[in-house]
All heavy atoms as atom14 arrays in JSON, in Angstrom:
{
  "sequence": "LEGAVFRDCLLAQADLSDADLRGARFERCDLTEAELRNARLE",
  "atom14_mask": [
    [1, 1, 1, 1, 1, 1, 1, 1, 0, 0, 0, 0, 0, 0],
    [1, 1, 1, 1, 1, 1, 1, 1, 1, 0, 0, 0, 0, 0],
    [1, 1, 1, 1, 0, 0, 0, 0, 0, 0, 0, 0, 0, 0],
    [1, 1, 1, 1, 1, 0, 0, 0, 0, 0, 0, 0, 0, 0],
    [1, 1, 1, 1, 1, 1, 1, 0, 0, 0, 0, 0, 0, 0],
    [1, 1, 1, 1, 1, 1, 1, 1, 1, 1, 1, 0, 0, 0],
    [1, 1, 1, 1, 1, 1, 1, 1, 1, 1, 1, 0, 0, 0],
    [1, 1, 1, 1, 1, 1, 1, 1, 0, 0, 0, 0, 0, 0],
    [1, 1, 1, 1, 1, 1, 0, 0, 0, 0, 0, 0, 0, 0],
    [1, 1, 1, 1, 1, 1, 1, 1, 0, 0, 0, 0, 0, 0],
    [1, 1, 1, 1, 1, 1, 1, 1, 0, 0, 0, 0, 0, 0],
    [1, 1, 1, 1, 1, 0, 0, 0, 0, 0, 0, 0, 0, 0],
    [1, 1, 1, 1, 1, 1, 1, 1, 1, 0, 0, 0, 0, 0],
    [1, 1, 1, 1, 1, 0, 0, 0, 0, 0, 0, 0, 0, 0],
    [1, 1, 1, 1, 1, 1, 1, 1, 0, 0, 0, 0, 0, 0],
    [1, 1, 1, 1, 1, 1, 1, 1, 0, 0, 0, 0, 0, 0],
    [1, 1, 1, 1, 1, 1, 0, 0, 0, 0, 0, 0, 0, 0],
    [1, 1, 1, 1, 1, 1, 1, 1, 0, 0, 0, 0, 0, 0],
    [1, 1, 1, 1, 1, 0, 0, 0, 0, 0, 0, 0, 0, 0],
    [1, 1, 1, 1, 1, 1, 1, 1, 0, 0, 0, 0, 0, 0],
    [1, 1, 1, 1, 1, 1, 1, 1, 0, 0, 0, 0, 0, 0],
    [1, 1, 1, 1, 1, 1, 1, 1, 1, 1, 1, 0, 0, 0],
    [1, 1, 1, 1, 0, 0, 0, 0, 0, 0, 0, 0, 0, 0],
    [1, 1, 1, 1, 1, 0, 0, 0, 0, 0, 0, 0, 0, 0],
    [1, 1, 1, 1, 1, 1, 1, 1, 1, 1, 1, 0, 0, 0],
    [1, 1, 1, 1, 1, 1, 1, 1, 1, 1, 1, 0, 0, 0],
    [1, 1, 1, 1, 1, 1, 1, 1, 1, 0, 0, 0, 0, 0],
    [1, 1, 1, 1, 1, 1, 1, 1, 1, 1, 1, 0, 0, 0],
    [1, 1, 1, 1, 1, 1, 0, 0, 0, 0, 0, 0, 0, 0],
    [1, 1, 1, 1, 1, 1, 1, 1, 0, 0, 0, 0, 0, 0],
    [1, 1, 1, 1, 1, 1, 1, 1, 0, 0, 0, 0, 0, 0],
    [1, 1, 1, 1, 1, 1, 1, 0, 0, 0, 0, 0, 0, 0],
    [1, 1, 1, 1, 1, 1, 1, 1, 1, 0, 0, 0, 0, 0],
    [1, 1, 1, 1, 1, 0, 0, 0, 0, 0, 0, 0, 0, 0],
    [1, 1, 1, 1, 1, 1, 1, 1, 1, 0, 0, 0, 0, 0],
    [1, 1, 1, 1, 1, 1, 1, 1, 0, 0, 0, 0, 0, 0],
    [1, 1, 1, 1, 1, 1, 1, 1, 1, 1, 1, 0, 0, 0],
    [1, 1, 1, 1, 1, 1, 1, 1, 0, 0, 0, 0, 0, 0],
    [1, 1, 1, 1, 1, 0, 0, 0, 0, 0, 0, 0, 0, 0],
    [1, 1, 1, 1, 1, 1, 1, 1, 1, 1, 1, 0, 0, 0],
    [1, 1, 1, 1, 1, 1, 1, 1, 0, 0, 0, 0, 0, 0],
    [1, 1, 1, 1, 1, 1, 1, 1, 1, 0, 0, 0, 0, 0]
  ],
  "atom14_positions": [
    [[0.84, -1.19, 0.0], [0.0, 0.0, 0.0], [0.88, 1.24, 0.0], [1.61, 1.49, 0.96], [-0.91, 0.02, 1.24], [-1.91, -1.12, 1.38], [-2.72, -0.94, 2.67], [-2.85, -1.18, 0.18], [0.0, 0.0, 0.0], [0.0, 0.0, 0.0], [0.0, 0.0, 0.0], [0.0, 0.0, 0.0], [0.0, 0.0, 0.0], [0.0, 0.0, 0.0]],
    [[0.8, 2.02, -1.06], [1.56, 3.27, -1.16], [0.69, 4.43, -0.68], [-0.45, 4.56, -1.1], [1.98, 3.52, -2.61], [2.85, 2.43, -3.21], [3.11, 2.69, -4.69], [3.2, 3.86, -5.09], [3.19, 1.7, -5.43], [0.0, 0.0, 0.0], [0.0, 0.0, 0.0], [0.0, 0.0, 0.0], [0.0, 0.0, 0.0], [0.0, 0.0, 0.0]],
    [[1.26, 5.26, 0.2], [0.53, 6.44, 0.66], [-0.69, 6.11, 1.51], [-1.65, 6.86, 1.53], [0.0, 0.0, 0.0], [0.0, 0.0, 0.0], [0.0, 0.0, 0.0], [0.0, 0.0, 0.0], [0.0, 0.0, 0.0], [0.0, 0.0, 0.0], [0.0, 0.0, 0.0], [0.0, 0.0, 0.0], [0.0, 0.0, 0.0], [0.0, 0.0, 0.0]],
    [[-0.64, 4.99, 2.24], [-1.77, 4.6, 3.08], [-1.78, 5.42, 4.37], [-0.73, 5.73, 4.93], [-1.7, 3.12, 3.42], [0.0, 0.0, 0.0], [0.0, 0.0, 0.0], [0.0, 0.0, 0.0], [0.0, 0.0, 0.0], [0.0, 0.0, 0.0], [0.0, 0.0, 0.0], [0.0, 0.0, 0.0], [0.0, 0.0, 0.0], [0.0, 0.0, 0.0]],
    [[-2.98, 5.76, 4.84], [-3.14, 6.45, 6.11], [-4.13, 5.67, 6.96], [-5.22, 5.34, 6.49], [-3.65, 7.91, 5.91], [-3.91, 8.57, 7.25], [-2.67, 8.71, 5.08], [0.0, 0.0, 0.0], [0.0, 0.0, 0.0], [0.0, 0.0, 0.0], [0.0, 0.0, 0.0], [0.0, 0.0, 0.0], [0.0, 0.0, 0.0], [0.0, 0.0, 0.0]],
    [[-3.73, 5.37, 8.19], [-4.59, 4.72, 9.18], [-4.79, 5.72, 10.3], [-3.83, 6.07, 10.99], [-3.92, 3.44, 9.71], [-3.64, 2.41, 8.65], [-2.49, 2.47, 7.89], [-4.52, 1.36, 8.44], [-2.21, 1.51, 6.91], [-4.26, 0.4, 7.47], [-3.11, 0.48, 6.7], [0.0, 0.0, 0.0], [0.0, 0.0, 0.0], [0.0, 0.0, 0.0]],
    [[-6.0, 6.2, 10.49], [-6.26, 7.27, 11.47], [-7.32, 6.82, 12.48], [-8.43, 6.46, 12.09], [-6.72, 8.53, 10.74], [-6.96, 9.73, 11.62], [-7.31, 10.96, 10.78], [-6.2, 11.3, 9.9], [-6.35, 11.67, 8.62], [-7.55, 11.75, 8.08], [-5.28, 11.97, 7.9], [0.0, 0.0, 0.0], [0.0, 0.0, 0.0], [0.0, 0.0, 0.0]],
    [[-6.95, 6.81, 13.76], [-7.88, 6.45, 14.84], [-8.5, 5.07, 14.61], [-9.71, 4.88, 14.77], [-8.98, 7.51, 14.98], [-8.42, 8.88, 15.32], [-7.65, 8.96, 16.29], [-8.73, 9.85, 14.61], [0.0, 0.0, 0.0], [0.0, 0.0, 0.0], [0.0, 0.0, 0.0], [0.0, 0.0, 0.0], [0.0, 0.0, 0.0], [0.0, 0.0, 0.0]],
    [[-7.67, 4.1, 14.24], [-8.16, 2.75, 13.96], [-7.72, 1.76, 15.02], [-6.62, 1.88, 15.58], [-7.63, 2.27, 12.61], [-8.33, 3.14, 11.18], [0.0, 0.0, 0.0], [0.0, 0.0, 0.0], [0.0, 0.0, 0.0], [0.0, 0.0, 0.0], [0.0, 0.0, 0.0], [0.0, 0.0, 0.0], [0.0, 0.0, 0.0], [0.0, 0.0, 0.0]],
    [[-8.56, 0.77, 15.28], [-8.19, -0.36, 16.12], [-7.6, -1.42, 15.2], [-8.3, -1.99, 14.36], [-9.43, -0.92, 16.84], [-9.19, -2.22, 17.62], [-8.19, -2.01, 18.74], [-10.5, -2.77, 18.15], [0.0, 0.0, 0.0], [0.0, 0.0, 0.0], [0.0, 0.0, 0.0], [0.0, 0.0, 0.0], [0.0, 0.0, 0.0], [0.0, 0.0, 0.0]],
    [[-6.28, -1.65, 15.33], [-5.56, -2.62, 14.51], [-4.94, -3.71, 15.38], [-3.93, -4.3, 15.01], [-4.48, -1.91, 13.7], [-4.97, -0.98, 12.59], [-3.9, 0.02, 12.18], [-5.42, -1.8, 11.38], [0.0, 0.0, 0.0], [0.0, 0.0, 0.0], [0.0, 0.0, 0.0], [0.0, 0.0, 0.0], [0.0, 0.0, 0.0], [0.0, 0.0, 0.0]],
    [[-5.55, -3.97, 16.54], [-5.01, -4.98, 17.45], [-4.93, -6.33, 16.75], [-5.84, -6.73, 16.03], [-5.89, -5.08, 18.69], [0.0, 0.0, 0.0], [0.0, 0.0, 0.0], [0.0, 0.0, 0.0], [0.0, 0.0, 0.0], [0.0, 0.0, 0.0], [0.0, 0.0, 0.0], [0.0, 0.0, 0.0], [0.0, 0.0, 0.0], [0.0, 0.0, 0.0]],
    [[-3.81, -7.0, 16.93], [-3.54, -8.32, 16.36], [-3.63, -8.34, 14.83], [-3.88, -9.38, 14.23], [-4.47, -9.37, 16.97], [-4.29, -9.51, 18.47], [-5.2, -10.55, 19.07], [-6.18, -10.99, 18.47], [-4.88, -10.96, 20.28], [0.0, 0.0, 0.0], [0.0, 0.0, 0.0], [0.0, 0.0, 0.0], [0.0, 0.0, 0.0], [0.0, 0.0, 0.0]],
    [[-3.41, -7.2, 14.22], [-3.38, -7.15, 12.75], [-2.14, -7.88, 12.25], [-1.09, -7.88, 12.9], [-3.35, -5.7, 12.28], [0.0, 0.0, 0.0], [0.0, 0.0, 0.0], [0.0, 0.0, 0.0], [0.0, 0.0, 0.0], [0.0, 0.0, 0.0], [0.0, 0.0, 0.0], [0.0, 0.0, 0.0], [0.0, 0.0, 0.0], [0.0, 0.0, 0.0]],
    [[-2.24, -8.5, 11.09], [-1.11, -9.2, 10.48], [-0.57, -8.34, 9.34], [-1.17, -8.27, 8.26], [-1.55, -10.56, 9.96], [-0.38, -11.38, 9.4], [0.75, -10.85, 9.35], [-0.6, -12.53, 9.01], [0.0, 0.0, 0.0], [0.0, 0.0, 0.0], [0.0, 0.0, 0.0], [0.0, 0.0, 0.0], [0.0, 0.0, 0.0], [0.0, 0.0, 0.0]],
    [[0.56, -7.67, 9.61], [1.21, -6.83, 8.61], [2.51, -7.49, 8.14], [3.34, -6.83, 7.52], [1.51, -5.44, 9.19], [0.35, -4.71, 9.87], [0.8, -3.35, 10.37], [-0.83, -4.56, 8.92], [0.0, 0.0, 0.0], [0.0, 0.0, 0.0], [0.0, 0.0, 0.0], [0.0, 0.0, 0.0], [0.0, 0.0, 0.0], [0.0, 0.0, 0.0]],
    [[2.68, -8.77, 8.41], [3.92, -9.44, 8.06], [4.13, -9.44, 6.55], [3.19, -9.59, 5.78], [3.93, -10.88, 8.6], [2.84, -11.61, 8.1], [0.0, 0.0, 0.0], [0.0, 0.0, 0.0], [0.0, 0.0, 0.0], [0.0, 0.0, 0.0], [0.0, 0.0, 0.0], [0.0, 0.0, 0.0], [0.0, 0.0, 0.0], [0.0, 0.0, 0.0]],
    [[5.37, -9.19, 6.16], [5.78, -9.16, 4.75], [5.1, -8.05, 3.94], [5.21, -8.01, 2.71], [5.54, -10.51, 4.06], [6.39, -11.61, 4.67], [7.62, -11.46, 4.64], [5.82, -12.59, 5.18], [0.0, 0.0, 0.0], [0.0, 0.0, 0.0], [0.0, 0.0, 0.0], [0.0, 0.0, 0.0], [0.0, 0.0, 0.0], [0.0, 0.0, 0.0]],
    [[4.36, -7.15, 4.6], [3.69, -6.06, 3.88], [4.69, -4.96, 3.55], [5.65, -4.72, 4.28], [2.55, -5.49, 4.74], [0.0, 0.0, 0.0], [0.0, 0.0, 0.0], [0.0, 0.0, 0.0], [0.0, 0.0, 0.0], [0.0, 0.0, 0.0], [0.0, 0.0, 0.0], [0.0, 0.0, 0.0], [0.0, 0.0, 0.0], [0.0, 0.0, 0.0]],
    [[4.45, -4.26, 2.46], [5.24, -3.09, 2.08], [4.38, -1.86, 2.38], [3.45, -1.54, 1.64], [5.6, -3.14, 0.6], [6.56, -2.02, 0.19], [6.67, -1.03, 0.94], [7.17, -2.14, -0.88], [0.0, 0.0, 0.0], [0.0, 0.0, 0.0], [0.0, 0.0, 0.0], [0.0, 0.0, 0.0], [0.0, 0.0, 0.0], [0.0, 0.0, 0.0]],
    [[4.66, -1.22, 3.52], [3.91, -0.05, 3.97], [4.86, 1.14, 4.13], [4.67, 1.98, 5.01], [3.19, -0.36, 5.29], [2.11, -1.44, 5.19], [1.68, -1.89, 6.58], [0.92, -0.93, 4.4], [0.0, 0.0, 0.0], [0.0, 0.0, 0.0], [0.0, 0.0, 0.0], [0.0, 0.0, 0.0], [0.0, 0.0, 0.0], [0.0, 0.0, 0.0]],
    [[5.88, 1.19, 3.27], [6.82, 2.31, 3.35], [6.08, 3.63, 3.16], [5.27, 3.77, 2.25], [7.9, 2.16, 2.28], [8.87, 1.03, 2.59], [9.87, 0.84, 1.49], [9.21, 0.22, 0.33], [9.82, -0.05, -0.81], [11.09, 0.26, -0.97], [9.15, -0.61, -1.8], [0.0, 0.0, 0.0], [0.0, 0.0, 0.0], [0.0, 0.0, 0.0]],
    [[6.36, 4.57, 4.08], [5.76, 5.9, 3.99], [4.33, 5.98, 4.49], [3.7, 7.03, 4.42], [0.0, 0.0, 0.0], [0.0, 0.0, 0.0], [0.0, 0.0, 0.0], [0.0, 0.0, 0.0], [0.0, 0.0, 0.0], [0.0, 0.0, 0.0], [0.0, 0.0, 0.0], [0.0, 0.0, 0.0], [0.0, 0.0, 0.0], [0.0, 0.0, 0.0]],
    [[3.78, 4.9, 5.03], [2.41, 4.93, 5.55], [2.36, 5.78, 6.81], [3.37, 6.02, 7.46], [1.92, 3.52, 5.85], [0.0, 0.0, 0.0], [0.0, 0.0, 0.0], [0.0, 0.0, 0.0], [0.0, 0.0, 0.0], [0.0, 0.0, 0.0], [0.0, 0.0, 0.0], [0.0, 0.0, 0.0], [0.0, 0.0, 0.0], [0.0, 0.0, 0.0]],
    [[1.16, 6.26, 7.16], [0.95, 7.01, 8.4], [-0.04, 6.26, 9.28], [-1.11, 5.87, 8.81], [0.39, 8.41, 8.12], [1.36, 9.34, 7.44], [0.84, 10.77, 7.44], [0.66, 11.29, 8.79], [1.62, 11.85, 9.51], [2.84, 11.96, 9.02], [1.37, 12.32, 10.73], [0.0, 0.0, 0.0], [0.0, 0.0, 0.0], [0.0, 0.0, 0.0]],
    [[0.35, 6.07, 10.54], [-0.51, 5.47, 11.55], [-0.72, 6.54, 12.62], [0.23, 6.88, 13.34], [0.15, 4.23, 12.16], [0.33, 3.09, 11.18], [1.44, 3.04, 10.35], [-0.61, 2.08, 11.11], [1.62, 2.0, 9.46], [-0.44, 1.02, 10.21], [0.68, 0.98, 9.39], [0.0, 0.0, 0.0], [0.0, 0.0, 0.0], [0.0, 0.0, 0.0]],
    [[-1.9, 7.11, 12.69], [-2.17, 8.2, 13.62], [-3.17, 7.73, 14.68], [-4.31, 7.38, 14.36], [-2.75, 9.4, 12.86], [-1.82, 9.91, 11.76], [-2.48, 10.93, 10.85], [-3.68, 11.25, 11.06], [-1.8, 11.41, 9.92], [0.0, 0.0, 0.0], [0.0, 0.0, 0.0], [0.0, 0.0, 0.0], [0.0, 0.0, 0.0], [0.0, 0.0, 0.0]],
    [[-2.73, 7.72, 15.94], [-3.58, 7.38, 17.08], [-4.26, 6.02, 16.9], [-5.43, 5.84, 17.18], [-4.63, 8.47, 17.34], [-4.03, 9.83, 17.66], [-5.07, 10.91, 17.74], [-5.86, 11.05, 16.52], [-5.46, 11.69, 15.43], [-4.26, 12.27, 15.39], [-6.24, 11.77, 14.36], [0.0, 0.0, 0.0], [0.0, 0.0, 0.0], [0.0, 0.0, 0.0]],
    [[-3.5, 5.05, 16.41], [-4.03, 3.7, 16.19], [-3.6, 2.76, 17.31], [-2.56, 2.95, 17.93], [-3.53, 3.14, 14.86], [-4.21, 4.02, 13.43], [0.0, 0.0, 0.0], [0.0, 0.0, 0.0], [0.0, 0.0, 0.0], [0.0, 0.0, 0.0], [0.0, 0.0, 0.0], [0.0, 0.0, 0.0], [0.0, 0.0, 0.0], [0.0, 0.0, 0.0]],
    [[-4.4, 1.75, 17.57], [-4.08, 0.71, 18.54], [-3.55, -0.49, 17.77], [-4.31, -1.2, 17.11], [-5.33, 0.35, 19.34], [-5.04, -0.68, 20.43], [-3.96, -1.31, 20.41], [-5.91, -0.86, 21.3], [0.0, 0.0, 0.0], [0.0, 0.0, 0.0], [0.0, 0.0, 0.0], [0.0, 0.0, 0.0], [0.0, 0.0, 0.0], [0.0, 0.0, 0.0]],
    [[-2.23, -0.7, 17.85], [-1.58, -1.82, 17.17], [-1.12, -2.88, 18.17], [-0.15, -3.61, 17.92], [-0.38, -1.3, 16.37], [-0.74, -0.53, 15.1], [0.12, 0.69, 14.93], [-0.67, -1.42, 13.9], [0.0, 0.0, 0.0], [0.0, 0.0, 0.0], [0.0, 0.0, 0.0], [0.0, 0.0, 0.0], [0.0, 0.0, 0.0], [0.0, 0.0, 0.0]],
    [[-1.83, -3.0, 19.28], [-1.48, -3.97, 20.31], [-1.37, -5.38, 19.72], [-2.28, -5.83, 19.02], [-2.53, -3.96, 21.44], [-2.6, -2.64, 21.99], [-2.18, -4.94, 22.54], [0.0, 0.0, 0.0], [0.0, 0.0, 0.0], [0.0, 0.0, 0.0], [0.0, 0.0, 0.0], [0.0, 0.0, 0.0], [0.0, 0.0, 0.0], [0.0, 0.0, 0.0]],
    [[-0.24, -6.02, 19.97], [0.02, -7.4, 19.53], [-0.05, -7.58, 18.01], [-0.32, -8.68, 17.52], [-0.9, -8.38, 20.24], [-0.68, -8.43, 21.74], [-1.52, -9.48, 22.44], [-2.1, -10.34, 21.75], [-1.59, -9.42, 23.67], [0.0, 0.0, 0.0], [0.0, 0.0, 0.0], [0.0, 0.0, 0.0], [0.0, 0.0, 0.0], [0.0, 0.0, 0.0]],
    [[0.2, -6.52, 17.25], [0.24, -6.66, 15.79], [1.48, -7.43, 15.37], [2.51, -7.41, 16.05], [0.22, -5.28, 15.14], [0.0, 0.0, 0.0], [0.0, 0.0, 0.0], [0.0, 0.0, 0.0], [0.0, 0.0, 0.0], [0.0, 0.0, 0.0], [0.0, 0.0, 0.0], [0.0, 0.0, 0.0], [0.0, 0.0, 0.0], [0.0, 0.0, 0.0]],
    [[1.39, -8.12, 14.25], [2.49, -8.9, 13.69], [3.17, -8.08, 12.58], [2.53, -7.74, 11.59], [1.95, -10.21, 13.11], [2.99, -11.07, 12.43], [4.08, -11.52, 13.38], [3.79, -12.34, 14.26], [5.23, -11.05, 13.2], [0.0, 0.0, 0.0], [0.0, 0.0, 0.0], [0.0, 0.0, 0.0], [0.0, 0.0, 0.0], [0.0, 0.0, 0.0]],
    [[4.45, -7.76, 12.79], [5.19, -6.93, 11.83], [6.34, -7.67, 11.15], [7.06, -7.06, 10.36], [5.77, -5.7, 12.53], [4.81, -4.76, 13.25], [5.57, -3.58, 13.84], [3.73, -4.26, 12.31], [0.0, 0.0, 0.0], [0.0, 0.0, 0.0], [0.0, 0.0, 0.0], [0.0, 0.0, 0.0], [0.0, 0.0, 0.0], [0.0, 0.0, 0.0]],
    [[6.54, -8.93, 11.43], [7.73, -9.62, 10.92], [7.88, -9.45, 9.4], [6.96, -9.68, 8.64], [7.67, -11.11, 11.25], [7.78, -11.37, 12.74], [7.82, -12.85, 13.08], [7.34, -13.12, 14.41], [8.0, -12.82, 15.53], [9.16, -12.24, 15.45], [7.47, -13.09, 16.72], [0.0, 0.0, 0.0], [0.0, 0.0, 0.0], [0.0, 0.0, 0.0]],
    [[9.1, -9.02, 9.05], [9.49, -8.82, 7.64], [8.69, -7.74, 6.92], [8.73, -7.66, 5.69], [9.41, -10.12, 6.85], [10.3, -11.2, 7.44], [11.45, -10.93, 7.8], [9.78, -12.41, 7.58], [0.0, 0.0, 0.0], [0.0, 0.0, 0.0], [0.0, 0.0, 0.0], [0.0, 0.0, 0.0], [0.0, 0.0, 0.0], [0.0, 0.0, 0.0]],
    [[7.95, -6.9, 7.66], [7.26, -5.78, 7.01], [8.28, -4.72, 6.61], [9.32, -4.58, 7.24], [6.23, -5.18, 7.96], [0.0, 0.0, 0.0], [0.0, 0.0, 0.0], [0.0, 0.0, 0.0], [0.0, 0.0, 0.0], [0.0, 0.0, 0.0], [0.0, 0.0, 0.0], [0.0, 0.0, 0.0], [0.0, 0.0, 0.0], [0.0, 0.0, 0.0]],
    [[7.98, -3.97, 5.55], [8.83, -2.86, 5.12], [8.14, -1.58, 5.56], [7.07, -1.24, 5.04], [9.02, -2.9, 3.62], [9.69, -4.22, 3.22], [10.39, -4.18, 1.91], [11.35, -3.11, 1.82], [11.89, -2.71, 0.68], [11.55, -3.3, -0.44], [12.76, -1.74, 0.65], [0.0, 0.0, 0.0], [0.0, 0.0, 0.0], [0.0, 0.0, 0.0]],
    [[8.73, -0.89, 6.54], [8.1, 0.27, 7.15], [9.01, 1.5, 7.13], [8.8, 2.44, 7.88], [7.7, -0.06, 8.59], [6.61, -1.13, 8.72], [6.55, -1.67, 10.14], [5.26, -0.56, 8.3], [0.0, 0.0, 0.0], [0.0, 0.0, 0.0], [0.0, 0.0, 0.0], [0.0, 0.0, 0.0], [0.0, 0.0, 0.0], [0.0, 0.0, 0.0]],
    [[10.0, 1.51, 6.24], [10.89, 2.66, 6.17], [10.09, 3.93, 5.85], [9.27, 3.95, 4.94], [11.97, 2.47, 5.08], [12.92, 1.31, 5.33], [12.43, 0.01, 4.73], [11.24, -0.09, 4.35], [13.24, -0.94, 4.66], [0.0, 0.0, 0.0], [0.0, 0.0, 0.0], [0.0, 0.0, 0.0], [0.0, 0.0, 0.0], [0.0, 0.0, 0.0]]
  ]
}
């Protein structure tokens, strides 16, 4: 996802593994216990 914005979202236990989210914005989100292994988040 290029240019993705997540604003005020509940993302608990989300699976973002191996995702390419470079340049994404996460604003006031709940990412409790999210899976990020091998995600690209530069």
